[in-house]
N, C-alpha and C. Protein backbone atom coordinates (compact mmCIF):
# COMPACT_ATOMS: atom_id res chain seq x y z
N UNK A 1 64.35 67.49 123.72
CA UNK A 1 65.44 68.37 123.37
C UNK A 1 66.33 67.70 122.35
N UNK A 2 66.65 68.43 121.33
CA UNK A 2 67.55 67.92 120.30
C UNK A 2 68.99 68.22 120.66
N UNK A 3 69.86 67.26 120.36
CA UNK A 3 71.28 67.46 120.60
C UNK A 3 71.91 68.17 119.41
N UNK A 4 72.89 68.99 119.72
CA UNK A 4 73.66 69.71 118.69
C UNK A 4 75.12 69.68 119.11
N UNK A 5 76.01 69.93 118.17
CA UNK A 5 77.43 69.94 118.53
C UNK A 5 77.75 71.18 119.36
N UNK A 6 78.67 70.99 120.28
CA UNK A 6 79.07 72.03 121.22
C UNK A 6 80.56 71.83 121.51
N UNK A 7 81.33 72.92 121.54
CA UNK A 7 82.74 72.84 121.89
C UNK A 7 82.92 72.88 123.39
N UNK A 8 83.72 71.95 123.92
CA UNK A 8 84.06 71.97 125.34
C UNK A 8 85.56 72.15 125.48
N UNK A 9 85.95 72.78 126.58
CA UNK A 9 87.34 73.08 126.86
C UNK A 9 87.71 72.44 128.19
N UNK A 10 88.70 71.57 128.17
CA UNK A 10 89.10 70.87 129.39
C UNK A 10 89.79 71.80 130.37
N UNK A 11 90.60 72.72 129.84
CA UNK A 11 91.32 73.68 130.69
C UNK A 11 91.76 74.84 129.81
N UNK A 12 92.08 75.94 130.42
CA UNK A 12 92.50 77.12 129.66
C UNK A 12 93.67 76.78 128.76
N UNK A 13 93.59 77.21 127.51
CA UNK A 13 94.65 76.98 126.56
C UNK A 13 94.57 75.66 125.82
N UNK A 14 93.66 74.77 126.26
CA UNK A 14 93.53 73.47 125.60
C UNK A 14 92.71 73.61 124.32
N UNK A 15 92.92 72.69 123.40
CA UNK A 15 92.15 72.66 122.17
C UNK A 15 90.73 72.20 122.47
N UNK A 16 89.72 72.94 122.03
CA UNK A 16 88.33 72.52 122.26
C UNK A 16 88.03 71.19 121.57
N UNK A 17 87.10 70.44 122.16
CA UNK A 17 86.66 69.16 121.64
C UNK A 17 85.16 69.28 121.36
N UNK A 18 84.70 68.73 120.24
CA UNK A 18 83.27 68.76 119.92
C UNK A 18 82.55 67.59 120.58
N UNK A 19 81.39 67.89 121.17
CA UNK A 19 80.54 66.88 121.77
C UNK A 19 79.10 67.13 121.32
N UNK A 20 78.25 66.15 121.51
CA UNK A 20 76.82 66.35 121.32
C UNK A 20 76.26 66.81 122.65
N UNK A 21 75.51 67.90 122.64
CA UNK A 21 74.98 68.46 123.87
C UNK A 21 73.54 68.91 123.66
N UNK A 22 72.80 68.94 124.76
CA UNK A 22 71.47 69.54 124.75
C UNK A 22 71.54 70.85 125.53
N UNK A 23 70.58 71.72 125.32
CA UNK A 23 70.55 73.02 125.98
C UNK A 23 69.22 73.16 126.73
N UNK A 24 69.14 72.59 127.96
CA UNK A 24 67.89 72.63 128.71
C UNK A 24 67.51 74.03 129.19
N UNK A 25 68.49 74.90 129.32
CA UNK A 25 68.32 76.30 129.71
C UNK A 25 69.16 77.11 128.74
N UNK A 26 68.65 78.21 128.20
CA UNK A 26 69.46 78.99 127.26
C UNK A 26 70.84 79.35 127.85
N UNK A 27 71.88 78.95 127.12
CA UNK A 27 73.24 79.23 127.55
C UNK A 27 73.90 78.13 128.34
N UNK A 28 73.12 77.15 128.82
CA UNK A 28 73.67 76.03 129.59
C UNK A 28 73.53 74.75 128.78
N UNK A 29 74.60 73.97 128.74
CA UNK A 29 74.63 72.74 127.96
C UNK A 29 74.87 71.54 128.86
N UNK A 30 74.26 70.41 128.49
CA UNK A 30 74.47 69.14 129.18
C UNK A 30 75.05 68.17 128.16
N UNK A 31 76.15 67.52 128.54
CA UNK A 31 76.84 66.61 127.64
C UNK A 31 77.64 65.59 128.44
N UNK A 32 77.99 64.50 127.77
CA UNK A 32 78.86 63.51 128.39
C UNK A 32 80.31 63.88 128.12
N UNK A 33 81.11 63.88 129.16
CA UNK A 33 82.53 64.21 129.04
C UNK A 33 83.17 63.24 128.05
N UNK A 34 83.83 63.75 127.01
CA UNK A 34 84.48 62.86 126.04
C UNK A 34 85.57 62.01 126.69
N UNK A 35 85.71 60.79 126.21
CA UNK A 35 86.68 59.86 126.79
C UNK A 35 88.08 60.46 126.82
N UNK A 36 88.45 61.22 125.77
CA UNK A 36 89.81 61.77 125.73
C UNK A 36 90.05 62.87 126.76
N UNK A 37 89.00 63.38 127.38
CA UNK A 37 89.16 64.41 128.41
C UNK A 37 88.98 63.86 129.83
N UNK A 38 88.58 62.60 129.93
CA UNK A 38 88.34 62.02 131.25
C UNK A 38 89.65 61.65 131.93
N UNK A 39 89.68 61.97 133.22
CA UNK A 39 90.81 61.57 134.04
C UNK A 39 90.34 60.53 135.04
N UNK A 40 91.22 59.98 135.83
CA UNK A 40 90.81 59.00 136.84
C UNK A 40 90.00 59.67 137.94
N UNK A 41 89.19 58.90 138.63
CA UNK A 41 88.43 59.41 139.76
C UNK A 41 87.05 59.89 139.38
N UNK A 42 86.77 61.16 139.68
CA UNK A 42 85.42 61.71 139.49
C UNK A 42 84.95 61.67 138.05
N UNK A 43 85.85 61.76 137.09
CA UNK A 43 85.43 61.71 135.69
C UNK A 43 84.79 60.37 135.34
N UNK A 44 85.18 59.30 136.01
CA UNK A 44 84.60 58.00 135.71
C UNK A 44 83.27 57.81 136.44
N UNK A 45 83.12 58.39 137.62
CA UNK A 45 81.87 58.24 138.35
C UNK A 45 80.85 59.32 138.02
N UNK A 46 81.31 60.45 137.51
CA UNK A 46 80.46 61.60 137.19
C UNK A 46 80.77 62.10 135.76
N UNK A 47 80.42 61.31 134.74
CA UNK A 47 80.81 61.67 133.37
C UNK A 47 79.94 62.74 132.70
N UNK A 48 78.80 63.06 133.28
CA UNK A 48 77.90 64.05 132.66
C UNK A 48 78.21 65.44 133.17
N UNK A 49 78.23 66.40 132.26
CA UNK A 49 78.61 67.77 132.59
C UNK A 49 77.47 68.74 132.36
N UNK A 50 77.40 69.71 133.25
CA UNK A 50 76.61 70.92 133.05
C UNK A 50 77.65 71.97 132.70
N UNK A 51 77.53 72.56 131.53
CA UNK A 51 78.53 73.51 131.10
C UNK A 51 77.91 74.78 130.54
N UNK A 52 78.72 75.81 130.53
CA UNK A 52 78.34 77.10 129.97
C UNK A 52 78.60 77.07 128.47
N UNK A 53 77.87 77.87 127.72
CA UNK A 53 78.05 77.88 126.26
C UNK A 53 79.45 78.29 125.83
N UNK A 54 80.22 78.87 126.74
CA UNK A 54 81.61 79.24 126.44
C UNK A 54 82.49 78.03 126.23
N UNK A 55 82.02 76.86 126.67
CA UNK A 55 82.80 75.63 126.54
C UNK A 55 83.32 75.10 127.85
N UNK A 56 83.23 75.89 128.91
CA UNK A 56 83.75 75.46 130.21
C UNK A 56 82.68 74.72 131.01
N UNK A 57 83.11 73.62 131.65
CA UNK A 57 82.22 72.84 132.51
C UNK A 57 82.02 73.58 133.83
N UNK A 58 80.84 73.39 134.41
CA UNK A 58 80.51 74.02 135.69
C UNK A 58 80.36 72.98 136.80
N UNK A 59 79.79 71.81 136.44
CA UNK A 59 79.55 70.77 137.44
C UNK A 59 79.49 69.41 136.74
N UNK A 60 79.74 68.35 137.52
CA UNK A 60 79.75 66.99 137.01
C UNK A 60 78.69 66.16 137.72
N UNK A 61 78.09 65.22 136.99
CA UNK A 61 76.98 64.42 137.51
C UNK A 61 77.11 62.97 137.06
N UNK A 62 76.41 62.09 137.80
CA UNK A 62 76.45 60.68 137.44
C UNK A 62 75.54 60.37 136.26
N UNK A 63 74.47 61.15 136.07
CA UNK A 63 73.54 60.89 134.97
C UNK A 63 73.20 62.17 134.21
N UNK A 64 72.74 61.98 133.01
CA UNK A 64 72.27 63.10 132.18
C UNK A 64 71.09 63.80 132.87
N UNK A 65 70.18 63.02 133.44
CA UNK A 65 69.00 63.59 134.09
C UNK A 65 69.38 64.49 135.25
N UNK A 66 70.39 64.09 136.03
CA UNK A 66 70.84 64.94 137.14
C UNK A 66 71.41 66.26 136.63
N UNK A 67 72.13 66.22 135.52
CA UNK A 67 72.71 67.44 134.95
C UNK A 67 71.61 68.36 134.43
N UNK A 68 70.57 67.80 133.81
CA UNK A 68 69.45 68.60 133.32
C UNK A 68 68.71 69.23 134.50
N UNK A 69 68.49 68.47 135.55
CA UNK A 69 67.83 69.01 136.75
C UNK A 69 68.65 70.17 137.33
N UNK A 70 69.96 70.02 137.36
CA UNK A 70 70.83 71.08 137.88
C UNK A 70 70.70 72.34 137.04
N UNK A 71 70.66 72.20 135.73
CA UNK A 71 70.50 73.37 134.85
C UNK A 71 69.21 74.11 135.21
N UNK A 72 68.15 73.37 135.44
CA UNK A 72 66.88 74.01 135.80
C UNK A 72 66.95 74.67 137.17
N UNK A 73 67.69 74.07 138.10
CA UNK A 73 67.82 74.62 139.45
C UNK A 73 68.56 75.97 139.45
N UNK A 74 69.52 76.14 138.56
CA UNK A 74 70.32 77.37 138.57
C UNK A 74 69.93 78.34 137.45
N UNK A 75 68.88 78.03 136.73
CA UNK A 75 68.47 78.84 135.57
C UNK A 75 68.26 80.30 135.92
N UNK A 76 67.73 80.58 137.10
CA UNK A 76 67.39 81.96 137.45
C UNK A 76 68.53 82.76 138.09
N UNK A 77 69.72 82.18 138.17
CA UNK A 77 70.84 82.89 138.78
C UNK A 77 71.51 83.89 137.86
N UNK A 78 71.32 83.73 136.56
CA UNK A 78 72.00 84.62 135.62
C UNK A 78 71.38 84.49 134.24
N UNK A 79 71.71 85.42 133.40
CA UNK A 79 71.44 85.28 131.98
C UNK A 79 72.62 84.49 131.43
N UNK A 80 72.47 83.18 131.37
CA UNK A 80 73.55 82.29 131.00
C UNK A 80 73.98 82.44 129.55
N UNK A 81 73.22 83.19 128.76
CA UNK A 81 73.62 83.42 127.37
C UNK A 81 74.72 84.47 127.27
N UNK A 82 74.99 85.18 128.36
CA UNK A 82 76.08 86.16 128.38
C UNK A 82 77.42 85.44 128.36
N UNK A 83 78.47 86.15 127.99
CA UNK A 83 79.80 85.54 127.95
C UNK A 83 80.26 85.20 129.37
N UNK A 84 81.20 84.27 129.45
CA UNK A 84 81.76 83.91 130.76
C UNK A 84 82.42 85.11 131.41
N UNK A 85 83.14 85.92 130.62
CA UNK A 85 83.80 87.11 131.17
C UNK A 85 82.78 88.11 131.71
N UNK A 86 81.67 88.27 131.00
CA UNK A 86 80.63 89.19 131.46
C UNK A 86 80.02 88.71 132.77
N UNK A 87 79.81 87.41 132.89
CA UNK A 87 79.27 86.87 134.14
C UNK A 87 80.26 87.04 135.29
N UNK A 88 81.52 86.73 135.03
CA UNK A 88 82.55 86.86 136.08
C UNK A 88 82.68 88.29 136.57
N UNK A 89 82.52 89.25 135.67
CA UNK A 89 82.68 90.66 136.02
C UNK A 89 81.42 91.34 136.51
N UNK A 90 80.31 90.63 136.55
CA UNK A 90 79.04 91.20 136.97
C UNK A 90 78.92 91.18 138.49
N UNK A 91 78.94 92.36 139.15
CA UNK A 91 78.85 92.38 140.61
C UNK A 91 77.50 91.86 141.12
N UNK A 92 76.51 91.82 140.25
CA UNK A 92 75.19 91.31 140.65
C UNK A 92 75.06 89.80 140.55
N UNK A 93 76.07 89.13 139.98
CA UNK A 93 76.02 87.68 139.85
C UNK A 93 76.36 87.06 141.19
N UNK A 94 75.44 86.30 141.74
CA UNK A 94 75.58 85.70 143.06
C UNK A 94 76.25 84.33 142.95
N UNK A 95 77.57 84.34 142.83
CA UNK A 95 78.32 83.10 142.65
C UNK A 95 78.15 82.18 143.86
N UNK A 96 78.17 82.73 145.06
CA UNK A 96 77.99 81.92 146.26
C UNK A 96 76.61 81.29 146.28
N UNK A 97 75.60 82.06 145.91
CA UNK A 97 74.23 81.53 145.85
C UNK A 97 74.12 80.42 144.83
N UNK A 98 74.79 80.59 143.69
CA UNK A 98 74.80 79.54 142.65
C UNK A 98 75.41 78.27 143.22
N UNK A 99 76.60 78.38 143.84
CA UNK A 99 77.25 77.21 144.43
C UNK A 99 76.36 76.55 145.48
N UNK A 100 75.79 77.37 146.36
CA UNK A 100 74.95 76.83 147.42
C UNK A 100 73.75 76.08 146.84
N UNK A 101 73.09 76.67 145.85
CA UNK A 101 71.93 76.02 145.24
C UNK A 101 72.33 74.70 144.60
N UNK A 102 73.43 74.71 143.88
CA UNK A 102 73.89 73.49 143.23
C UNK A 102 74.18 72.40 144.25
N UNK A 103 74.82 72.76 145.34
CA UNK A 103 75.18 71.77 146.36
C UNK A 103 73.97 71.30 147.17
N UNK A 104 73.01 72.21 147.42
CA UNK A 104 71.84 71.85 148.21
C UNK A 104 70.81 71.06 147.42
N UNK A 105 70.67 71.37 146.14
CA UNK A 105 69.56 70.81 145.35
C UNK A 105 69.97 69.69 144.41
N UNK A 106 71.28 69.44 144.25
CA UNK A 106 71.71 68.39 143.33
C UNK A 106 72.79 67.53 143.99
N UNK A 107 73.13 66.45 143.30
CA UNK A 107 74.22 65.58 143.77
C UNK A 107 75.46 65.76 142.90
N UNK A 108 75.62 66.96 142.37
CA UNK A 108 76.74 67.24 141.47
C UNK A 108 78.00 67.61 142.20
N UNK A 109 79.08 67.59 141.45
CA UNK A 109 80.38 68.03 141.93
C UNK A 109 80.76 69.28 141.17
N UNK A 110 81.23 70.29 141.85
CA UNK A 110 81.68 71.49 141.16
C UNK A 110 82.93 71.18 140.35
N UNK A 111 83.02 71.77 139.18
CA UNK A 111 84.18 71.58 138.31
C UNK A 111 84.93 72.88 138.24
N UNK A 112 86.19 72.85 138.57
CA UNK A 112 87.04 74.03 138.48
C UNK A 112 87.73 74.02 137.12
N UNK A 113 87.56 75.12 136.36
CA UNK A 113 88.22 75.21 135.06
C UNK A 113 89.04 76.48 134.99
């Protein structure tokens, strides 16, 4: 997989930051959290992110490989190429199932944005 630039957003209203990311599943990106966005605690132990193409992180991992595995585990839960608003408003999107799969099949931490 080739890396390409991707905008990430630390929190609503924040200025996006460019990172190099891979896209193991269409619409899902894996990247290392930029140093300027890292906080104490989990950001230091789990610097790799699984994020949506909208720029928001979904989960944090200790390694790039774990984040790629997580993307593959949740690939079938949605058309991740859709906008974040479209996914949030879709009554057919099984958010609980997504969370459960992520927690059961990976060692990731959920990221609230």
